[in-house]
Protein backbone atom coordinates (compact mmCIF):
# COMPACT_ATOMS: atom_id res chain seq x y z
CA MET A 1 -0.01 0.05 0.01
CA THR A 2 1.07 3.44 -0.68
CA PRO A 3 1.04 6.29 1.96
CA VAL A 4 -2.18 8.17 2.29
CA VAL A 5 -1.75 12.05 2.92
CA VAL A 6 -4.73 14.05 4.24
CA CYS A 7 -4.92 17.77 4.60
CA VAL A 8 -7.33 19.36 7.14
CA PRO A 9 -7.82 23.06 6.92
CA GLY A 10 -9.04 24.65 10.39
CA ASP A 11 -12.58 25.75 10.93
CA LEU A 12 -13.18 28.39 8.35
CA HIS A 13 -15.94 30.38 9.94
CA LEU A 14 -16.52 32.14 6.62
CA THR A 15 -18.74 35.33 6.63
CA ALA A 16 -17.74 37.53 3.73
CA ALA A 17 -15.21 37.61 0.94
CA GLY A 18 -12.05 39.42 1.65
CA GLN A 19 -12.08 39.00 5.32
CA PRO A 20 -8.86 37.87 6.91
CA ASN A 21 -10.12 34.25 7.54
CA HIS A 22 -11.29 34.28 3.91
CA ARG A 23 -7.99 35.23 2.67
CA ALA A 24 -6.21 32.61 4.98
CA ALA A 25 -8.61 30.12 3.61
CA GLU A 26 -7.77 30.93 -0.04
CA TRP A 27 -3.95 30.64 0.84
CA ALA A 28 -4.55 27.18 2.50
CA VAL A 29 -6.67 25.80 -0.49
CA ASP A 30 -4.11 27.13 -2.96
CA GLU A 31 -0.98 25.77 -1.12
CA ILE A 32 -2.68 22.48 -0.43
CA GLU A 33 -3.45 22.24 -4.12
CA ARG A 34 -0.05 23.51 -5.30
CA LEU A 35 2.34 21.99 -2.88
CA ILE A 36 0.95 19.20 -0.92
CA LYS A 37 -1.19 17.57 -3.49
CA PRO A 38 -2.96 15.30 -0.80
CA ASP A 39 -4.96 12.23 -1.48
CA LEU A 40 -7.89 13.84 0.46
CA VAL A 41 -8.75 17.38 1.70
CA GLN A 42 -11.06 17.04 4.73
CA PHE A 43 -12.81 20.22 5.89
CA ILE A 44 -13.46 19.64 9.59
CA GLY A 45 -16.67 21.63 10.16
CA ASP A 46 -17.62 25.25 11.12
CA ASN A 47 -17.07 25.92 7.40
CA VAL A 48 -19.27 29.07 7.66
CA GLN A 49 -20.33 31.14 10.55
CA ASP A 50 -24.02 31.44 10.52
CA GLY A 51 -25.24 28.74 7.99
CA THR A 52 -26.53 31.20 5.41
CA ALA A 53 -26.85 30.64 1.65
CA ASP A 54 -24.21 33.51 0.83
CA GLN A 55 -21.75 31.88 3.16
CA TYR A 56 -22.19 28.43 1.71
CA ALA A 57 -21.56 30.02 -1.62
CA LEU A 58 -18.40 31.55 -0.34
CA PHE A 59 -17.36 27.88 0.86
CA ARG A 60 -18.15 26.30 -2.42
CA GLY A 61 -16.10 28.97 -4.07
CA LEU A 62 -13.09 27.66 -2.04
CA THR A 63 -13.73 24.01 -2.81
CA ALA A 64 -14.25 24.72 -6.53
CA LYS A 65 -10.57 25.58 -6.74
CA LEU A 66 -9.56 22.11 -5.59
CA THR A 67 -8.66 19.32 -8.00
CA ARG A 68 -8.01 16.99 -5.21
CA PRO A 69 -10.83 14.96 -3.57
CA TRP A 70 -12.51 16.67 -0.55
CA HIS A 71 -15.19 16.11 2.09
CA ALA A 72 -16.65 18.36 4.52
CA LEU A 73 -18.15 17.76 8.15
CA VAL A 74 -20.85 19.71 9.59
CA GLY A 75 -19.98 21.85 12.73
CA ASP A 76 -22.24 23.60 15.31
CA HIS A 77 -21.98 27.07 13.29
CA ASP A 78 -23.05 25.23 10.00
CA ALA A 79 -26.00 23.75 11.91
CA GLN A 80 -27.22 26.81 13.71
CA ARG A 81 -31.11 26.87 13.77
CA ASP A 82 -30.96 23.77 11.81
CA PRO A 83 -30.64 20.65 13.88
CA THR A 84 -31.11 18.28 10.99
CA ALA A 85 -28.28 20.09 8.90
CA ALA A 86 -30.73 20.27 6.08
CA ASP A 87 -29.22 23.53 4.65
CA PHE A 88 -25.62 21.87 5.05
CA ARG A 89 -26.84 18.83 3.11
CA ARG A 90 -28.54 21.10 0.44
CA HIS A 91 -25.46 23.14 -0.07
CA VAL A 92 -22.48 20.94 0.76
CA GLY A 93 -23.56 17.19 0.92
CA ASP A 94 -24.08 14.42 3.45
CA PRO A 95 -22.05 14.98 6.63
CA CYS A 96 -21.36 11.33 7.25
CA GLY A 97 -19.72 8.80 4.86
CA SER A 98 -16.85 6.35 4.44
CA LEU A 99 -13.83 6.23 2.33
CA ARG A 100 -11.64 3.19 1.87
CA LEU A 101 -8.00 4.32 0.61
CA GLY A 102 -4.76 2.70 1.01
CA GLY A 103 -5.60 -0.02 3.65
CA PHE A 104 -7.56 2.60 5.76
CA ARG A 105 -11.34 3.31 6.12
CA PHE A 106 -11.94 6.94 6.73
CA LEU A 107 -15.20 7.66 8.56
CA ARG A 108 -16.93 11.00 8.75
CA LEU A 109 -19.17 11.54 11.85
CA ASN A 110 -21.78 14.08 12.44
CA THR A 111 -21.45 15.03 16.10
CA GLN A 112 -24.12 17.74 15.76
CA GLU A 113 -27.14 15.49 15.99
CA ALA A 114 -27.79 16.98 19.47
CA HIS A 115 -26.84 20.13 21.12
CA PRO A 116 -23.94 20.77 22.00
CA VAL A 117 -22.81 17.45 20.92
CA GLY A 118 -24.36 14.07 20.26
CA LEU A 119 -24.98 11.19 17.83
CA SER A 120 -28.15 9.29 17.09
CA THR A 121 -28.64 5.61 17.48
CA THR A 122 -28.96 5.58 13.74
CA GLN A 123 -25.60 6.96 13.18
CA LEU A 124 -24.13 4.81 15.94
CA ASP A 125 -25.48 1.67 14.27
CA TRP A 126 -23.89 2.69 11.05
CA LEU A 127 -20.68 3.46 12.88
CA SER A 128 -20.74 -0.18 14.48
CA ARG A 129 -21.32 -1.84 11.04
CA GLU A 130 -18.42 0.35 9.46
CA LEU A 131 -16.00 -0.85 12.36
CA ALA A 132 -16.93 -4.43 11.88
CA ALA A 133 -16.56 -4.20 8.22
CA ALA A 134 -13.07 -2.55 8.64
CA THR A 135 -11.95 -5.45 10.88
CA ALA A 136 -13.23 -7.98 8.36
CA ALA A 137 -11.32 -6.22 5.53
CA GLY A 138 -8.09 -5.80 7.63
CA GLU A 139 -8.44 -2.01 7.49
CA ARG A 140 -7.27 0.46 9.85
CA VAL A 141 -9.94 3.14 10.99
CA VAL A 142 -9.55 6.87 10.96
CA ILE A 143 -12.37 9.05 12.23
CA PHE A 144 -13.10 12.66 11.34
CA GLN A 145 -15.47 14.48 13.56
CA HIS A 146 -15.94 18.06 14.24
CA ASN A 147 -15.99 18.02 18.01
CA TYR A 148 -12.65 17.35 19.91
CA PRO A 149 -13.04 15.00 22.89
CA PHE A 150 -10.70 16.97 24.91
CA GLN A 151 -11.80 20.56 24.34
CA ILE A 152 -11.13 22.56 27.49
CA TRP A 153 -13.98 24.21 29.40
CA GLU A 154 -16.59 22.35 27.22
CA ASP A 155 -18.17 18.86 28.15
CA PHE A 156 -17.89 16.10 25.48
CA ALA A 157 -20.99 14.73 26.77
CA GLY A 158 -24.58 14.17 25.23
CA PRO A 159 -26.66 11.42 23.59
CA GLY A 160 -24.54 8.63 22.20
CA ILE A 161 -21.08 9.85 23.40
CA ASP A 162 -20.90 6.96 26.05
CA THR A 163 -21.52 4.60 23.14
CA TRP A 164 -19.03 6.34 20.99
CA ARG A 165 -16.43 5.97 23.62
CA GLY A 166 -16.93 2.30 23.99
CA MET A 167 -16.71 1.93 20.16
CA VAL A 168 -13.61 3.89 19.73
CA HIS A 169 -11.79 2.48 22.69
CA GLY A 170 -12.86 -0.98 22.12
CA HIS A 171 -11.92 -1.06 18.36
CA GLY A 172 -8.78 0.94 18.84
CA VAL A 173 -9.02 3.38 15.93
CA HIS A 174 -5.87 4.45 14.14
CA ALA A 175 -6.60 8.11 14.82
CA VAL A 176 -9.28 10.75 15.55
CA LEU A 177 -8.95 14.27 13.76
CA SER A 178 -11.26 16.99 14.84
CA GLY A 179 -11.56 20.74 14.75
CA HIS A 180 -13.79 22.93 17.04
CA THR A 181 -11.06 23.94 19.40
CA HIS A 182 -9.66 27.09 17.80
CA TYR A 183 -6.33 25.85 18.90
CA TRP A 184 -3.74 23.14 17.55
CA GLN A 185 -3.36 20.04 19.87
CA LEU A 186 -2.24 16.38 19.63
CA ALA A 187 -3.52 13.98 22.33
CA ASN A 188 -3.04 10.49 23.54
CA ASP A 189 -5.71 8.99 26.00
CA GLY A 190 -3.50 5.70 26.57
CA ARG A 191 -5.51 4.04 23.97
CA ASN A 192 -6.25 6.18 20.85
CA VAL A 193 -4.49 9.30 19.41
CA PHE A 194 -6.17 12.67 18.40
CA ALA A 195 -5.28 15.68 16.55
CA ALA A 196 -7.37 18.95 16.58
CA THR A 197 -6.65 21.55 13.95
CA ARG A 198 -6.10 25.25 14.78
CA SER A 199 -9.09 27.43 13.30
CA ILE A 200 -8.74 29.66 10.31
CA GLY A 201 -11.45 31.81 11.57
CA ASP A 202 -10.48 33.22 15.06
CA PRO A 203 -7.42 30.98 15.53
CA GLU A 204 -5.93 30.64 19.12
CA GLY A 205 -2.26 29.84 19.96
CA GLY A 206 -0.81 30.90 16.64
CA PRO A 207 -1.60 32.05 13.11
CA PRO A 208 -4.37 30.06 11.01
CA GLY A 209 -3.40 27.04 8.76
CA TYR A 210 -3.97 23.49 8.24
CA THR A 211 -3.04 20.04 9.49
CA VAL A 212 -0.94 17.55 7.34
CA ALA A 213 -1.63 13.96 8.45
CA TYR A 214 0.19 10.95 6.98
CA PHE A 215 -1.03 7.32 7.24
CA HIS A 216 0.93 4.19 6.01
CA GLY A 217 0.53 0.90 7.67
CA ASP A 218 1.07 1.41 11.25
CA ASP A 219 2.65 4.82 10.81
CA PHE A 220 0.79 8.08 11.65
CA ALA A 221 2.23 11.62 11.77
CA ALA A 222 0.80 14.86 11.67
CA THR A 223 2.03 18.58 11.66
CA PHE A 224 0.61 21.96 11.39
CA ARG A 225 1.34 24.55 8.70
CA SER A 226 0.51 28.07 9.34
CA VAL A 227 -0.02 30.90 6.95
CA ASN A 228 3.27 32.43 8.28
CA ASP A 229 5.35 29.44 7.33
CA ARG A 230 7.63 29.46 4.35
CA GLY A 231 10.13 27.09 2.80
CA PRO A 232 9.89 23.31 2.78
CA LEU A 233 7.21 21.57 4.95
CA VAL A 234 8.91 18.56 6.68
CA LEU A 235 6.84 15.79 8.27
CA VAL A 236 8.79 12.95 10.27
CA THR A 237 6.87 9.79 9.59
CA ARG A 238 9.11 7.20 11.40
CA PRO A 239 9.72 6.58 14.26
CA ARG A 240 6.40 7.65 15.89
CA ASP A 241 6.38 10.78 18.07
CA ALA A 242 6.31 9.47 21.49
CA LEU A 243 3.14 11.42 22.14
CA LEU A 244 1.44 9.44 19.55
CA ALA A 245 2.80 6.19 20.61
CA THR A 246 0.03 3.73 22.05
CA ARG A 247 1.90 0.32 22.22
CA PRO A 248 5.30 -1.38 22.19
CA ALA A 249 5.61 -1.47 18.45
CA HIS A 250 5.95 2.24 18.43
CA VAL A 251 9.18 2.39 20.46
CA VAL A 252 12.72 2.31 19.26
CA ARG A 253 14.35 -0.84 20.46
CA GLY A 254 17.74 -0.50 18.59
CA ALA A 255 19.20 0.50 15.44
CA ALA A 256 16.44 1.75 13.17
CA ASP A 257 15.55 4.10 10.43
CA VAL A 258 14.43 7.72 10.32
CA ARG A 259 11.99 8.63 7.61
CA ALA A 260 10.64 11.98 6.69
CA ARG A 261 8.54 13.33 3.74
CA VAL A 262 9.45 16.75 2.50
CA TRP A 263 7.35 19.10 0.29
CA SER A 264 9.12 21.81 -1.29
CA ALA A 265 8.43 24.35 -3.95
CA GLU A 266 12.19 24.71 -4.76
CA PRO A 267 14.68 21.93 -5.08
CA LEU A 268 16.26 20.72 -1.94
CA ALA A 269 19.94 21.28 -0.99
CA GLN A 270 19.95 19.01 1.92
CA VAL A 271 17.73 17.09 4.36
CA ILE A 272 19.44 16.15 7.88
CA VAL A 273 18.41 14.60 11.08
CA ARG A 274 19.77 15.49 14.44
CA VAL A 275 19.12 13.57 17.80
CA GLU A 276 19.69 15.82 20.83
CA SER A 277 22.86 17.50 20.65
CA GLU A 278 24.50 14.96 18.45
CA LYS A 279 26.16 15.68 15.09
CA PRO A 280 23.56 15.86 12.20
CA VAL A 281 23.35 13.11 9.88
CA PRO A 282 22.37 13.56 6.20
CA LEU A 283 19.24 11.78 4.91
CA THR A 284 19.19 10.46 1.41
CA PRO A 285 16.14 10.47 -0.91
CA VAL A 286 14.04 7.31 -1.29
CA GLY A 287 11.45 8.55 -3.47
CA PRO A 288 10.15 11.75 -4.94
CA LEU A 289 9.12 13.15 -1.53
CA ASP A 290 10.61 10.65 1.17
CA TRP A 291 13.87 10.96 2.82
CA SER A 292 15.61 8.16 4.91
CA GLY A 293 18.79 7.80 7.07
CA PRO A 294 19.95 5.74 10.00
CA LEU A 295 18.90 6.16 13.71
CA ALA A 296 21.49 4.87 16.17
CA GLY A 297 18.87 3.68 18.68
CA ASP A 298 21.29 1.19 20.08
CA GLN A 299 23.47 4.04 21.33
CA LEU A 300 20.58 5.93 22.95
CA GLY A 301 19.67 5.59 26.55
CA LYS A 302 16.38 4.57 27.65
CA GLY A 303 13.80 7.34 27.66
CA VAL A 304 12.67 10.12 25.40
CA HIS A 305 14.75 11.78 22.86
CA ARG A 306 14.37 15.02 20.84
CA LEU A 307 14.74 14.24 17.09
CA VAL A 308 14.79 17.20 14.65
CA VAL A 309 14.59 16.77 10.71
CA ARG A 310 15.46 19.94 8.94
CA ALA A 311 15.37 20.56 5.19
CA THR A 312 17.03 23.46 3.30
CA ASP A 313 16.00 24.35 -0.26
CA ALA A 314 18.18 25.71 -2.82
CA ALA A 315 17.21 29.34 -2.01
CA GLY A 316 18.30 28.95 1.62
CA ALA A 317 14.78 28.52 3.13
CA VAL A 318 14.61 26.12 5.95
CA GLY A 319 11.80 24.03 7.40
CA GLU A 320 11.98 21.45 10.16
CA HIS A 321 9.95 19.09 12.21
CA VAL A 322 10.65 18.37 15.89
CA VAL A 323 9.45 15.15 17.63
CA GLU A 324 10.29 13.12 20.66
CA VAL A 325 10.90 9.44 20.21
CA ALA A 326 10.55 6.83 23.00
CA VAL A 327 13.61 4.45 23.32
CA ASP A 328 13.68 1.05 25.24
CA SER A 329 15.86 -1.79 24.33
CA THR A 330 13.42 -4.19 25.95
CA GLY A 331 10.52 -2.87 23.76
CA ARG A 332 8.39 -2.36 26.96
CA TYR A 333 5.98 0.54 26.74
CA THR A 334 2.65 1.67 28.31
CA ALA A 335 1.21 4.75 26.86
CA VAL A 336 0.60 7.54 29.31
CA PRO A 337 -2.29 9.96 28.51
CA GLY A 338 -0.92 13.55 27.52
CA VAL A 339 -1.33 16.41 25.17
CA ARG A 340 0.70 18.89 23.48
CA PRO A 341 0.79 21.84 23.84
CA VAL A 342 -0.96 22.07 27.10
CA VAL A 343 -3.88 24.64 26.76
CA THR A 344 -5.51 26.10 29.94
CA ALA A 345 -7.82 28.91 28.50
CA THR A 346 -9.84 29.60 25.44
CA ASP A 347 -12.13 32.51 24.42
CA PHE A 348 -14.44 30.46 22.41
CA CYS A 349 -16.11 28.00 25.00
């Protein structure tokens, strides 16, 4: 199977053309289309601010620029005064669905079937059937849903949510990708991993942008690209970031490989990896976008180590991705719940 790359623009909250969030959304769509060329673009909900026909027309103006496949979730702003999401369905499409790609089953959930969050028994029955079908087909499951389970100062509780938790934890899904928070965050609850994309409209914690997520077999990696970022976009795809490690297979046990995917508008001059303060090691290309090199895991002590992959293009622009990797020669590992970055306040909940 070839890797699957998904881009997730943050909540757009579109109101009118030319507003800062509309310009940022245009930038995101343009760069995704021109630079990343993903297998899927997944809009994560709150695509518009008030659910009006004019705002939906603005959203469809953005999606018309995409040649890549795309889907959109319904968010609480999309469904204001419209609990059945009838206007969303008319202007955008079905908020639920399933896509099979590269050994994965990507499921889109509508978490707005109750206020402020909830899922109907009909949708939960569908989810149960999809999880069973994925198991029978040997597919890993990725869930897209607007509401983030760890949104601070907000309850992730409502009709069907306890059943949702049982399904997600019981099945052991590969990842859950969300929006709603306005801030960027990665999370691990000890069983599953999650990513929340920073909003394009009213972003918190930094400039607006989009998430790039990489899925390949047991590999999962994600990073955030902001409107202020320039130069190469770097994503460490192996080994797993320790925060996203959920089982012993995600721990470095000895000598291993570092792999990274690099997107660059300019030719690349070099790509290197550095662990802690050790001497940088050059990576070599192993495909049009992928780079690889040795990781001396057998020389690293037990614990978590900082790993940086840095790419420099021919014009001198630099991009990098920093992760922490867990090392234990015995391979023993128990995931400890955590989030990054830690967020303690928000203006939007």
